[in-house]
PDB file of all heavy atoms in Angstrom:
ATOM      1  N   PRO A   1      88.876 318.802  10.286  1.00  0.00           N
ATOM      2  CA  PRO A   1      89.563 317.604  10.760  1.00  0.00           C
ATOM      3  C   PRO A   1      90.828 317.347   9.945  1.00  0.00           C
ATOM      4  O   PRO A   1      90.898 317.694   8.767  1.00  0.00           O
ATOM      5  CB  PRO A   1      88.525 316.504  10.523  1.00  0.00           C
ATOM      6  CG  PRO A   1      87.762 316.985   9.318  1.00  0.00           C
ATOM      7  CD  PRO A   1      87.690 318.479   9.454  1.00  0.00           C
ATOM      8  N   ALA A   2      91.819 316.721  10.606  1.00  0.00           N
ATOM      9  CA  ALA A   2      93.013 316.316   9.871  1.00  0.00           C
ATOM     10  C   ALA A   2      92.691 315.109   8.995  1.00  0.00           C
ATOM     11  O   ALA A   2      93.224 314.968   7.897  1.00  0.00           O
ATOM     12  CB  ALA A   2      94.133 315.985  10.851  1.00  0.00           C
ATOM     13  N   LYS A   3      91.797 314.255   9.496  1.00  0.00           N
ATOM     14  CA  LYS A   3      91.328 313.112   8.700  1.00  0.00           C
ATOM     15  C   LYS A   3      90.038 312.582   9.312  1.00  0.00           C
ATOM     16  O   LYS A   3      89.801 312.721  10.508  1.00  0.00           O
ATOM     17  CB  LYS A   3      92.371 312.001   8.614  1.00  0.00           C
ATOM     18  CG  LYS A   3      92.764 311.392   9.930  1.00  0.00           C
ATOM     19  CD  LYS A   3      93.882 310.375   9.761  1.00  0.00           C
ATOM     20  CE  LYS A   3      95.184 311.029   9.322  1.00  0.00           C
ATOM     21  NZ  LYS A   3      96.318 310.063   9.303  1.00  0.00           N
ATOM     22  N   VAL A   4      89.206 311.991   8.466  1.00  0.00           N
ATOM     23  CA  VAL A   4      87.962 311.355   8.894  1.00  0.00           C
ATOM     24  C   VAL A   4      87.876 310.007   8.192  1.00  0.00           C
ATOM     25  O   VAL A   4      88.043 309.929   6.961  1.00  0.00           O
ATOM     26  CB  VAL A   4      86.723 312.204   8.527  1.00  0.00           C
ATOM     27  CG1 VAL A   4      85.439 311.458   8.894  1.00  0.00           C
ATOM     28  CG2 VAL A   4      86.766 313.559   9.224  1.00  0.00           C
ATOM     29  N   PHE A   5      87.620 308.949   8.964  1.00  0.00           N
ATOM     30  CA  PHE A   5      87.438 307.621   8.393  1.00  0.00           C
ATOM     31  C   PHE A   5      85.954 307.317   8.271  1.00  0.00           C
ATOM     32  O   PHE A   5      85.115 307.927   8.948  1.00  0.00           O
ATOM     33  CB  PHE A   5      88.136 306.566   9.260  1.00  0.00           C
ATOM     34  CG  PHE A   5      89.635 306.683   9.247  1.00  0.00           C
ATOM     35  CD1 PHE A   5      90.289 307.435  10.216  1.00  0.00           C
ATOM     36  CD2 PHE A   5      90.385 306.065   8.256  1.00  0.00           C
ATOM     37  CE1 PHE A   5      91.668 307.542  10.203  1.00  0.00           C
ATOM     38  CE2 PHE A   5      91.766 306.171   8.238  1.00  0.00           C
ATOM     39  CZ  PHE A   5      92.410 306.915   9.211  1.00  0.00           C
ATOM     40  N   ASP A   6      85.626 306.375   7.415  1.00  0.00           N
ATOM     41  CA  ASP A   6      84.214 306.133   7.122  1.00  0.00           C
ATOM     42  C   ASP A   6      83.447 305.517   8.279  1.00  0.00           C
ATOM     43  O   ASP A   6      82.222 305.489   8.267  1.00  0.00           O
ATOM     44  CB  ASP A   6      84.048 305.283   5.856  1.00  0.00           C
ATOM     45  CG  ASP A   6      84.796 303.964   5.907  1.00  0.00           C
ATOM     46  OD1 ASP A   6      85.166 303.533   7.017  1.00  0.00           O
ATOM     47  OD2 ASP A   6      85.029 303.364   4.846  1.00  0.00           O
ATOM     48  N   GLY A   7      84.138 305.034   9.311  1.00  0.00           N
ATOM     49  CA  GLY A   7      83.440 304.499  10.478  1.00  0.00           C
ATOM     50  C   GLY A   7      83.362 305.475  11.629  1.00  0.00           C
ATOM     51  O   GLY A   7      82.852 305.140  12.697  1.00  0.00           O
ATOM     52  N   ASP A   8      83.867 306.699  11.441  1.00  0.00           N
ATOM     53  CA  ASP A   8      83.881 307.690  12.511  1.00  0.00           C
ATOM     54  C   ASP A   8      82.560 308.436  12.596  1.00  0.00           C
ATOM     55  O   ASP A   8      81.913 308.685  11.582  1.00  0.00           O
ATOM     56  CB  ASP A   8      84.985 308.738  12.286  1.00  0.00           C
ATOM     57  CG  ASP A   8      86.381 308.159  12.389  1.00  0.00           C
ATOM     58  OD1 ASP A   8      86.520 307.029  12.883  1.00  0.00           O
ATOM     59  OD2 ASP A   8      87.319 308.848  11.966  1.00  0.00           O
ATOM     60  N   GLU A   9      82.207 308.807  13.813  1.00  0.00           N
ATOM     61  CA  GLU A   9      81.129 309.767  13.986  1.00  0.00           C
ATOM     62  C   GLU A   9      81.704 311.160  13.742  1.00  0.00           C
ATOM     63  O   GLU A   9      82.712 311.532  14.327  1.00  0.00           O
ATOM     64  CB  GLU A   9      80.560 309.697  15.405  1.00  0.00           C
ATOM     65  CG  GLU A   9      79.707 308.484  15.680  1.00  0.00           C
ATOM     66  CD  GLU A   9      79.061 308.555  17.056  1.00  0.00           C
ATOM     67  OE1 GLU A   9      79.343 309.522  17.780  1.00  0.00           O
ATOM     68  OE2 GLU A   9      78.303 307.644  17.378  1.00  0.00           O
ATOM     69  N   ARG A  10      81.066 311.934  12.871  1.00  0.00           N
ATOM     70  CA  ARG A  10      81.575 313.271  12.593  1.00  0.00           C
ATOM     71  C   ARG A  10      81.154 314.209  13.718  1.00  0.00           C
ATOM     72  O   ARG A  10      79.974 314.365  14.018  1.00  0.00           O
ATOM     73  CB  ARG A  10      81.051 313.780  11.247  1.00  0.00           C
ATOM     74  CG  ARG A  10      81.466 312.911  10.078  1.00  0.00           C
ATOM     75  CD  ARG A  10      81.524 313.707   8.795  1.00  0.00           C
ATOM     76  NE  ARG A  10      80.242 314.196   8.357  1.00  0.00           N
ATOM     77  CZ  ARG A  10      79.427 313.549   7.535  1.00  0.00           C
ATOM     78  NH1 ARG A  10      79.760 312.358   7.103  1.00  0.00           N
ATOM     79  NH2 ARG A  10      78.286 314.076   7.141  1.00  0.00           N
ATOM     80  N   SER A  11      82.137 314.843  14.346  1.00  0.00           N
ATOM     81  CA  SER A  11      81.850 315.782  15.432  1.00  0.00           C
ATOM     82  C   SER A  11      81.898 317.208  14.912  1.00  0.00           C
ATOM     83  O   SER A  11      82.752 317.554  14.089  1.00  0.00           O
ATOM     84  CB  SER A  11      82.871 315.615  16.561  1.00  0.00           C
ATOM     85  OG  SER A  11      82.670 316.611  17.544  1.00  0.00           O
ATOM     86  N   HIS A  12      80.982 318.043  15.379  1.00  0.00           N
ATOM     87  CA  HIS A  12      80.941 319.442  14.967  1.00  0.00           C
ATOM     88  C   HIS A  12      81.452 320.367  16.067  1.00  0.00           C
ATOM     89  O   HIS A  12      81.230 321.561  16.023  1.00  0.00           O
ATOM     90  CB  HIS A  12      79.509 319.838  14.591  1.00  0.00           C
ATOM     91  CG  HIS A  12      79.021 319.123  13.374  1.00  0.00           C
ATOM     92  ND1 HIS A  12      77.695 319.097  13.020  1.00  0.00           N
ATOM     93  CD2 HIS A  12      79.663 318.401  12.434  1.00  0.00           C
ATOM     94  CE1 HIS A  12      77.552 318.385  11.904  1.00  0.00           C
ATOM     95  NE2 HIS A  12      78.735 317.954  11.547  1.00  0.00           N
ATOM     96  N   GLU A  13      82.144 319.809  17.068  1.00  0.00           N
ATOM     97  CA  GLU A  13      82.667 320.620  18.159  1.00  0.00           C
ATOM     98  C   GLU A  13      84.137 320.928  17.906  1.00  0.00           C
ATOM     99  O   GLU A  13      84.935 320.035  17.636  1.00  0.00           O
ATOM    100  CB  GLU A  13      82.515 319.870  19.488  1.00  0.00           C
ATOM    101  CG  GLU A  13      81.054 319.638  19.884  1.00  0.00           C
ATOM    102  CD  GLU A  13      80.948 318.920  21.208  1.00  0.00           C
ATOM    103  OE1 GLU A  13      82.002 318.644  21.825  1.00  0.00           O
ATOM    104  OE2 GLU A  13      79.816 318.642  21.626  1.00  0.00           O
ATOM    105  N   PHE A  14      84.488 322.232  18.011  1.00  0.00           N
ATOM    106  CA  PHE A  14      85.861 322.657  17.814  1.00  0.00           C
ATOM    107  C   PHE A  14      86.450 323.038  19.165  1.00  0.00           C
ATOM    108  O   PHE A  14      85.940 323.943  19.827  1.00  0.00           O
ATOM    109  CB  PHE A  14      85.943 323.871  16.879  1.00  0.00           C
ATOM    110  CG  PHE A  14      85.480 323.590  15.474  1.00  0.00           C
ATOM    111  CD1 PHE A  14      85.046 324.620  14.666  1.00  0.00           C
ATOM    112  CD2 PHE A  14      85.486 322.314  14.959  1.00  0.00           C
ATOM    113  CE1 PHE A  14      84.625 324.381  13.365  1.00  0.00           C
ATOM    114  CE2 PHE A  14      85.069 322.047  13.675  1.00  0.00           C
ATOM    115  CZ  PHE A  14      84.637 323.082  12.869  1.00  0.00           C
ATOM    116  N   GLY A  15      87.515 322.386  19.592  1.00  0.00           N
ATOM    117  CA  GLY A  15      88.218 322.766  20.809  1.00  0.00           C
ATOM    118  C   GLY A  15      89.633 323.173  20.471  1.00  0.00           C
ATOM    119  O   GLY A  15      90.218 322.682  19.495  1.00  0.00           O
ATOM    120  N   LEU A  16      90.213 324.099  21.251  1.00  0.00           N
ATOM    121  CA  LEU A  16      91.551 324.598  20.992  1.00  0.00           C
ATOM    122  C   LEU A  16      92.449 324.365  22.196  1.00  0.00           C
ATOM    123  O   LEU A  16      92.010 324.410  23.337  1.00  0.00           O
ATOM    124  CB  LEU A  16      91.525 326.102  20.685  1.00  0.00           C
ATOM    125  CG  LEU A  16      90.711 326.557  19.473  1.00  0.00           C
ATOM    126  CD1 LEU A  16      90.717 328.076  19.379  1.00  0.00           C
ATOM    127  CD2 LEU A  16      91.257 325.948  18.207  1.00  0.00           C
ATOM    128  N   THR A  17      93.740 324.152  21.928  1.00  0.00           N
ATOM    129  CA  THR A  17      94.729 324.093  22.991  1.00  0.00           C
ATOM    130  C   THR A  17      95.170 325.520  23.323  1.00  0.00           C
ATOM    131  O   THR A  17      94.787 326.482  22.652  1.00  0.00           O
ATOM    132  CB  THR A  17      95.951 323.279  22.548  1.00  0.00           C
ATOM    133  OG1 THR A  17      96.660 324.006  21.532  1.00  0.00           O
ATOM    134  CG2 THR A  17      95.538 321.923  21.990  1.00  0.00           C
ATOM    135  N   SER A  18      96.022 325.651  24.337  1.00  0.00           N
ATOM    136  CA  SER A  18      96.486 326.975  24.738  1.00  0.00           C
ATOM    137  C   SER A  18      97.440 327.593  23.722  1.00  0.00           C
ATOM    138  O   SER A  18      97.761 328.770  23.813  1.00  0.00           O
ATOM    139  CB  SER A  18      97.175 326.899  26.107  1.00  0.00           C
ATOM    140  OG  SER A  18      98.247 325.988  26.064  1.00  0.00           O
ATOM    141  N   SER A  19      97.911 326.820  22.739  1.00  0.00           N
ATOM    142  CA  SER A  19      98.742 327.378  21.667  1.00  0.00           C
ATOM    143  C   SER A  19      97.951 327.489  20.361  1.00  0.00           C
ATOM    144  O   SER A  19      98.518 327.563  19.280  1.00  0.00           O
ATOM    145  CB  SER A  19      99.991 326.525  21.452  1.00  0.00           C
ATOM    146  OG  SER A  19      99.639 325.201  21.092  1.00  0.00           O
ATOM    147  N   LEU A  20      96.616 327.518  20.477  1.00  0.00           N
ATOM    148  CA  LEU A  20      95.715 327.714  19.337  1.00  0.00           C
ATOM    149  C   LEU A  20      95.817 326.612  18.290  1.00  0.00           C
ATOM    150  O   LEU A  20      95.698 326.862  17.101  1.00  0.00           O
ATOM    151  CB  LEU A  20      95.967 329.090  18.685  1.00  0.00           C
ATOM    152  CG  LEU A  20      95.527 330.291  19.535  1.00  0.00           C
ATOM    153  CD1 LEU A  20      95.887 331.588  18.835  1.00  0.00           C
ATOM    154  CD2 LEU A  20      94.038 330.247  19.811  1.00  0.00           C
ATOM    155  N   LYS A  21      96.036 325.398  18.733  1.00  0.00           N
ATOM    156  CA  LYS A  21      95.950 324.236  17.861  1.00  0.00           C
ATOM    157  C   LYS A  21      94.627 323.532  18.152  1.00  0.00           C
ATOM    158  O   LYS A  21      94.176 323.481  19.300  1.00  0.00           O
ATOM    159  CB  LYS A  21      97.118 323.270  18.105  1.00  0.00           C
ATOM    160  CG  LYS A  21      98.487 323.863  17.789  1.00  0.00           C
ATOM    161  CD  LYS A  21      98.685 324.066  16.304  1.00  0.00           C
ATOM    162  CE  LYS A  21     100.100 324.509  15.992  1.00  0.00           C
ATOM    163  NZ  LYS A  21     100.350 324.625  14.546  1.00  0.00           N
ATOM    164  N   PHE A  22      94.011 322.987  17.115  1.00  0.00           N
ATOM    165  CA  PHE A  22      92.757 322.273  17.324  1.00  0.00           C
ATOM    166  C   PHE A  22      92.997 320.997  18.133  1.00  0.00           C
ATOM    167  O   PHE A  22      93.963 320.270  17.895  1.00  0.00           O
ATOM    168  CB  PHE A  22      92.104 321.909  15.992  1.00  0.00           C
ATOM    169  CG  PHE A  22      91.405 323.055  15.331  1.00  0.00           C
ATOM    170  CD1 PHE A  22      91.934 323.643  14.203  1.00  0.00           C
ATOM    171  CD2 PHE A  22      90.217 323.557  15.839  1.00  0.00           C
ATOM    172  CE1 PHE A  22      91.294 324.704  13.576  1.00  0.00           C
ATOM    173  CE2 PHE A  22      89.573 324.621  15.235  1.00  0.00           C
ATOM    174  CZ  PHE A  22      90.108 325.196  14.101  1.00  0.00           C
ATOM    175  N   LEU A  23      92.113 320.753  19.088  1.00  0.00           N
ATOM    176  CA  LEU A  23      92.165 319.498  19.824  1.00  0.00           C
ATOM    177  C   LEU A  23      91.784 318.350  18.906  1.00  0.00           C
ATOM    178  O   LEU A  23      90.889 318.484  18.074  1.00  0.00           O
ATOM    179  CB  LEU A  23      91.198 319.536  21.010  1.00  0.00           C
ATOM    180  CG  LEU A  23      91.542 320.493  22.154  1.00  0.00           C
ATOM    181  CD1 LEU A  23      90.366 320.568  23.127  1.00  0.00           C
ATOM    182  CD2 LEU A  23      92.787 320.012  22.891  1.00  0.00           C
ATOM    183  N   GLN A  24      92.445 317.227  19.067  1.00  0.00           N
ATOM    184  CA  GLN A  24      92.069 316.026  18.338  1.00  0.00           C
ATOM    185  C   GLN A  24      90.953 315.337  19.121  1.00  0.00           C
ATOM    186  O   GLN A  24      91.183 314.768  20.185  1.00  0.00           O
ATOM    187  CB  GLN A  24      93.272 315.102  18.159  1.00  0.00           C
ATOM    188  CG  GLN A  24      94.375 315.707  17.308  1.00  0.00           C
ATOM    189  CD  GLN A  24      93.895 316.090  15.920  1.00  0.00           C
ATOM    190  OE1 GLN A  24      93.253 315.290  15.228  1.00  0.00           O
ATOM    191  NE2 GLN A  24      94.194 317.308  15.488  1.00  0.00           N
ATOM    192  N   ILE A  25      89.740 315.444  18.618  1.00  0.00           N
ATOM    193  CA  ILE A  25      88.581 314.895  19.334  1.00  0.00           C
ATOM    194  C   ILE A  25      88.493 313.395  19.078  1.00  0.00           C
ATOM    195  O   ILE A  25      88.541 312.940  17.932  1.00  0.00           O
ATOM    196  CB  ILE A  25      87.294 315.589  18.858  1.00  0.00           C
ATOM    197  CG1 ILE A  25      87.391 317.096  19.154  1.00  0.00           C
ATOM    198  CG2 ILE A  25      86.065 314.996  19.527  1.00  0.00           C
ATOM    199  CD1 ILE A  25      86.247 317.893  18.587  1.00  0.00           C
ATOM    200  N   SER A  26      88.373 312.624  20.146  1.00  0.00           N
ATOM    201  CA  SER A  26      88.261 311.180  19.991  1.00  0.00           C
ATOM    202  C   SER A  26      86.915 310.832  19.351  1.00  0.00           C
ATOM    203  O   SER A  26      85.913 311.492  19.579  1.00  0.00           O
ATOM    204  CB  SER A  26      88.385 310.487  21.348  1.00  0.00           C
ATOM    205  OG  SER A  26      87.367 310.923  22.219  1.00  0.00           O
ATOM    206  N   THR A  27      86.924 309.796  18.542  1.00  0.00           N
ATOM    207  CA  THR A  27      85.707 309.407  17.839  1.00  0.00           C
ATOM    208  C   THR A  27      85.389 307.941  18.116  1.00  0.00           C
ATOM    209  O   THR A  27      86.266 307.152  18.454  1.00  0.00           O
ATOM    210  CB  THR A  27      85.862 309.591  16.312  1.00  0.00           C
ATOM    211  OG1 THR A  27      86.989 308.810  15.866  1.00  0.00           O
ATOM    212  CG2 THR A  27      86.092 311.044  15.955  1.00  0.00           C
ATOM    213  N   THR A  28      84.117 307.612  17.980  1.00  0.00           N
ATOM    214  CA  THR A  28      83.674 306.231  18.125  1.00  0.00           C
ATOM    215  C   THR A  28      83.573 305.609  16.744  1.00  0.00           C
ATOM    216  O   THR A  28      82.894 306.139  15.870  1.00  0.00           O
ATOM    217  CB  THR A  28      82.305 306.169  18.815  1.00  0.00           C
ATOM    218  OG1 THR A  28      82.414 306.799  20.095  1.00  0.00           O
ATOM    219  CG2 THR A  28      81.853 304.734  18.989  1.00  0.00           C
ATOM    220  N   ARG A  29      84.242 304.508  16.545  1.00  0.00           N
ATOM    221  CA  ARG A  29      84.209 303.830  15.256  1.00  0.00           C
ATOM    222  C   ARG A  29      83.267 302.636  15.332  1.00  0.00           C
ATOM    223  O   ARG A  29      83.330 301.832  16.253  1.00  0.00           O
ATOM    224  CB  ARG A  29      85.615 303.407  14.843  1.00  0.00           C
ATOM    225  CG  ARG A  29      86.493 304.631  14.581  1.00  0.00           C
ATOM    226  CD  ARG A  29      87.844 304.297  14.042  1.00  0.00           C
ATOM    227  NE  ARG A  29      88.563 305.528  13.722  1.00  0.00           N
ATOM    228  CZ  ARG A  29      89.821 305.571  13.352  1.00  0.00           C
ATOM    229  NH1 ARG A  29      90.517 304.453  13.248  1.00  0.00           N
ATOM    230  NH2 ARG A  29      90.400 306.730  13.073  1.00  0.00           N
ATOM    231  N   HIS A  30      82.420 302.540  14.331  1.00  0.00           N
ATOM    232  CA  HIS A  30      81.349 301.544  14.369  1.00  0.00           C
ATOM    233  C   HIS A  30      81.763 300.214  13.734  1.00  0.00           C
ATOM    234  O   HIS A  30      81.107 299.213  13.937  1.00  0.00           O
ATOM    235  CB  HIS A  30      80.117 302.087  13.633  1.00  0.00           C
ATOM    236  CG  HIS A  30      79.603 303.368  14.218  1.00  0.00           C
ATOM    237  ND1 HIS A  30      78.999 303.427  15.448  1.00  0.00           N
ATOM    238  CD2 HIS A  30      79.623 304.641  13.752  1.00  0.00           C
ATOM    239  CE1 HIS A  30      78.655 304.672  15.715  1.00  0.00           C
ATOM    240  NE2 HIS A  30      79.033 305.428  14.698  1.00  0.00           N
ATOM    241  N   ARG A  31      82.832 300.217  12.952  1.00  0.00           N
ATOM    242  CA  ARG A  31      83.217 298.988  12.268  1.00  0.00           C
ATOM    243  C   ARG A  31      84.594 298.553  12.735  1.00  0.00           C
ATOM    244  O   ARG A  31      85.466 299.369  12.981  1.00  0.00           O
ATOM    245  CB  ARG A  31      83.247 299.211  10.741  1.00  0.00           C
ATOM    246  CG  ARG A  31      81.895 299.573  10.151  1.00  0.00           C
ATOM    247  CD  ARG A  31      81.978 299.575   8.612  1.00  0.00           C
ATOM    248  NE  ARG A  31      83.026 300.436   8.123  1.00  0.00           N
ATOM    249  CZ  ARG A  31      84.086 300.024   7.439  1.00  0.00           C
ATOM    250  NH1 ARG A  31      84.255 298.748   7.181  1.00  0.00           N
ATOM    251  NH2 ARG A  31      84.990 300.878   7.003  1.00  0.00           N
ATOM    252  N   LYS A  32      84.804 297.253  12.821  1.00  0.00           N
ATOM    253  CA  LYS A  32      86.105 296.719  13.191  1.00  0.00           C
ATOM    254  C   LYS A  32      86.950 296.398  11.966  1.00  0.00           C
ATOM    255  O   LYS A  32      88.138 296.141  12.076  1.00  0.00           O
ATOM    256  CB  LYS A  32      85.931 295.469  14.049  1.00  0.00           C
ATOM    257  CG  LYS A  32      85.272 295.747  15.392  1.00  0.00           C
ATOM    258  CD  LYS A  32      85.161 294.489  16.228  1.00  0.00           C
ATOM    259  CE  LYS A  32      84.507 294.797  17.577  1.00  0.00           C
ATOM    260  NZ  LYS A  32      84.377 293.569  18.417  1.00  0.00           N
ATOM    261  N   ALA A  33      86.339 296.400  10.798  1.00  0.00           N
ATOM    262  CA  ALA A  33      87.073 296.140   9.563  1.00  0.00           C
ATOM    263  C   ALA A  33      87.988 297.321   9.275  1.00  0.00           C
ATOM    264  O   ALA A  33      87.851 298.394   9.851  1.00  0.00           O
ATOM    265  CB  ALA A  33      86.093 295.937   8.411  1.00  0.00           C
ATOM    266  N   PRO A  34      88.977 297.166   8.363  1.00  0.00           N
ATOM    267  CA  PRO A  34      89.862 298.280   8.010  1.00  0.00           C
ATOM    268  C   PRO A  34      89.058 299.512   7.592  1.00  0.00           C
ATOM    269  O   PRO A  34      88.083 299.418   6.854  1.00  0.00           O
ATOM    270  CB  PRO A  34      90.686 297.716   6.848  1.00  0.00           C
ATOM    271  CG  PRO A  34      90.675 296.240   7.060  1.00  0.00           C
ATOM    272  CD  PRO A  34      89.327 295.930   7.655  1.00  0.00           C
ATOM    273  N   GLN A  35      89.502 300.665   8.061  1.00  0.00           N
ATOM    274  CA  GLN A  35      88.771 301.894   7.805  1.00  0.00           C
ATOM    275  C   GLN A  35      89.165 302.482   6.449  1.00  0.00           C
ATOM    276  O   GLN A  35      90.331 302.451   6.059  1.00  0.00           O
ATOM    277  CB  GLN A  35      89.089 302.921   8.888  1.00  0.00           C
ATOM    278  CG  GLN A  35      88.761 302.453  10.299  1.00  0.00           C
ATOM    279  CD  GLN A  35      87.279 302.523  10.571  1.00  0.00           C
ATOM    280  OE1 GLN A  35      86.687 303.585  10.550  1.00  0.00           O
ATOM    281  NE2 GLN A  35      86.681 301.384  10.820  1.00  0.00           N
ATOM    282  N   GLY A  36      88.171 303.034   5.750  1.00  0.00           N
ATOM    283  CA  GLY A  36      88.455 303.784   4.532  1.00  0.00           C
ATOM    284  C   GLY A  36      88.514 305.264   4.867  1.00  0.00           C
ATOM    285  O   GLY A  36      87.756 305.757   5.703  1.00  0.00           O
ATOM    286  N   LYS A  37      89.447 305.992   4.250  1.00  0.00           N
ATOM    287  CA  LYS A  37      89.619 307.398   4.562  1.00  0.00           C
ATOM    288  C   LYS A  37      88.653 308.225   3.730  1.00  0.00           C
ATOM    289  O   LYS A  37      88.734 308.277   2.509  1.00  0.00           O
ATOM    290  CB  LYS A  37      91.056 307.824   4.298  1.00  0.00           C
ATOM    291  CG  LYS A  37      91.447 309.124   4.984  1.00  0.00           C
ATOM    292  CD  LYS A  37      92.906 309.478   4.704  1.00  0.00           C
ATOM    293  CE  LYS A  37      93.819 308.454   5.320  1.00  0.00           C
ATOM    294  NZ  LYS A  37      95.241 308.787   5.071  1.00  0.00           N
ATOM    295  N   LEU A  38      87.735 308.902   4.412  1.00  0.00           N
ATOM    296  CA  LEU A  38      86.702 309.701   3.762  1.00  0.00           C
ATOM    297  C   LEU A  38      87.169 311.135   3.510  1.00  0.00           C
ATOM    298  O   LEU A  38      86.871 311.726   2.474  1.00  0.00           O
ATOM    299  CB  LEU A  38      85.437 309.693   4.623  1.00  0.00           C
ATOM    300  CG  LEU A  38      84.157 310.278   4.055  1.00  0.00           C
ATOM    301  CD1 LEU A  38      83.701 309.503   2.820  1.00  0.00           C
ATOM    302  CD2 LEU A  38      83.056 310.245   5.119  1.00  0.00           C
ATOM    303  N   VAL A  39      87.904 311.711   4.471  1.00  0.00           N
ATOM    304  CA  VAL A  39      88.400 313.081   4.360  1.00  0.00           C
ATOM    305  C   VAL A  39      89.849 313.122   4.823  1.00  0.00           C
ATOM    306  O   VAL A  39      90.191 312.523   5.846  1.00  0.00           O
ATOM    307  CB  VAL A  39      87.572 314.064   5.218  1.00  0.00           C
ATOM    308  CG1 VAL A  39      88.070 315.501   5.026  1.00  0.00           C
ATOM    309  CG2 VAL A  39      86.090 313.974   4.895  1.00  0.00           C
ATOM    310  N   GLN A  40      90.698 313.824   4.078  1.00  0.00           N
ATOM    311  CA  GLN A  40      92.095 314.018   4.467  1.00  0.00           C
ATOM    312  C   GLN A  40      92.445 315.487   4.306  1.00  0.00           C
ATOM    313  O   GLN A  40      92.177 316.091   3.266  1.00  0.00           O
ATOM    314  CB  GLN A  40      93.023 313.178   3.588  1.00  0.00           C
ATOM    315  CG  GLN A  40      94.503 313.405   3.834  1.00  0.00           C
ATOM    316  CD  GLN A  40      94.950 312.879   5.185  1.00  0.00           C
ATOM    317  OE1 GLN A  40      94.847 311.679   5.461  1.00  0.00           O
ATOM    318  NE2 GLN A  40      95.440 313.756   6.050  1.00  0.00           N
ATOM    319  N   GLY A  41      93.024 316.087   5.358  1.00  0.00           N
ATOM    320  CA  GLY A  41      93.417 317.491   5.314  1.00  0.00           C
ATOM    321  C   GLY A  41      94.907 317.659   5.096  1.00  0.00           C
ATOM    322  O   GLY A  41      95.708 316.815   5.505  1.00  0.00           O
ATOM    323  N   TYR A  42      95.285 318.763   4.445  1.00  0.00           N
ATOM    324  CA  TYR A  42      96.688 319.068   4.165  1.00  0.00           C
ATOM    325  C   TYR A  42      96.926 320.574   4.341  1.00  0.00           C
ATOM    326  O   TYR A  42      95.988 321.360   4.219  1.00  0.00           O
ATOM    327  CB  TYR A  42      97.049 318.729   2.707  1.00  0.00           C
ATOM    328  CG  TYR A  42      96.797 317.312   2.277  1.00  0.00           C
ATOM    329  CD1 TYR A  42      95.576 316.949   1.718  1.00  0.00           C
ATOM    330  CD2 TYR A  42      97.773 316.332   2.410  1.00  0.00           C
ATOM    331  CE1 TYR A  42      95.334 315.646   1.302  1.00  0.00           C
ATOM    332  CE2 TYR A  42      97.547 315.027   2.003  1.00  0.00           C
ATOM    333  CZ  TYR A  42      96.330 314.683   1.437  1.00  0.00           C
ATOM    334  OH  TYR A  42      96.096 313.402   1.035  1.00  0.00           O
ATOM    335  N   GLY A  43      98.179 320.956   4.600  1.00  0.00           N
ATOM    336  CA  GLY A  43      98.540 322.358   4.459  1.00  0.00           C
ATOM    337  C   GLY A  43      98.867 323.126   5.717  1.00  0.00           C
ATOM    338  O   GLY A  43      99.019 324.346   5.657  1.00  0.00           O
ATOM    339  N   VAL A  44      99.008 322.465   6.882  1.00  0.00           N
ATOM    340  CA  VAL A  44      99.357 323.193   8.097  1.00  0.00           C
ATOM    341  C   VAL A  44     100.721 323.865   7.928  1.00  0.00           C
ATOM    342  O   VAL A  44     101.659 323.284   7.367  1.00  0.00           O
ATOM    343  CB  VAL A  44      99.376 322.245   9.310  1.00  0.00           C
ATOM    344  CG1 VAL A  44      99.920 322.949  10.549  1.00  0.00           C
ATOM    345  CG2 VAL A  44      97.975 321.727   9.588  1.00  0.00           C
ATOM    346  N   LEU A  45     100.827 325.121   8.383  1.00  0.00           N
ATOM    347  CA  LEU A  45     102.026 325.953   8.313  1.00  0.00           C
ATOM    348  C   LEU A  45     102.416 326.313   6.884  1.00  0.00           C
ATOM    349  O   LEU A  45     103.576 326.602   6.585  1.00  0.00           O
ATOM    350  CB  LEU A  45     103.211 325.302   9.036  1.00  0.00           C
ATOM    351  CG  LEU A  45     102.996 325.033  10.537  1.00  0.00           C
ATOM    352  CD1 LEU A  45     104.265 324.472  11.168  1.00  0.00           C
ATOM    353  CD2 LEU A  45     102.565 326.300  11.267  1.00  0.00           C
TER     354      LEU A  45
END
C-alpha cells in the first residue's frame, strides 16, 4: 500500500492497471475522528 490509516480495513487483494500500476483499493474506515497513519510507503521510480 502507498499508505494505511488506523481506521482502514487492510485488504490483501492486489489489482493492476493496464500499465502495471497497483490499483488503489477503496477501504472502509470505521472511525470519523482524524485518522492516524499506520503505514506509509516511499520510493516509486
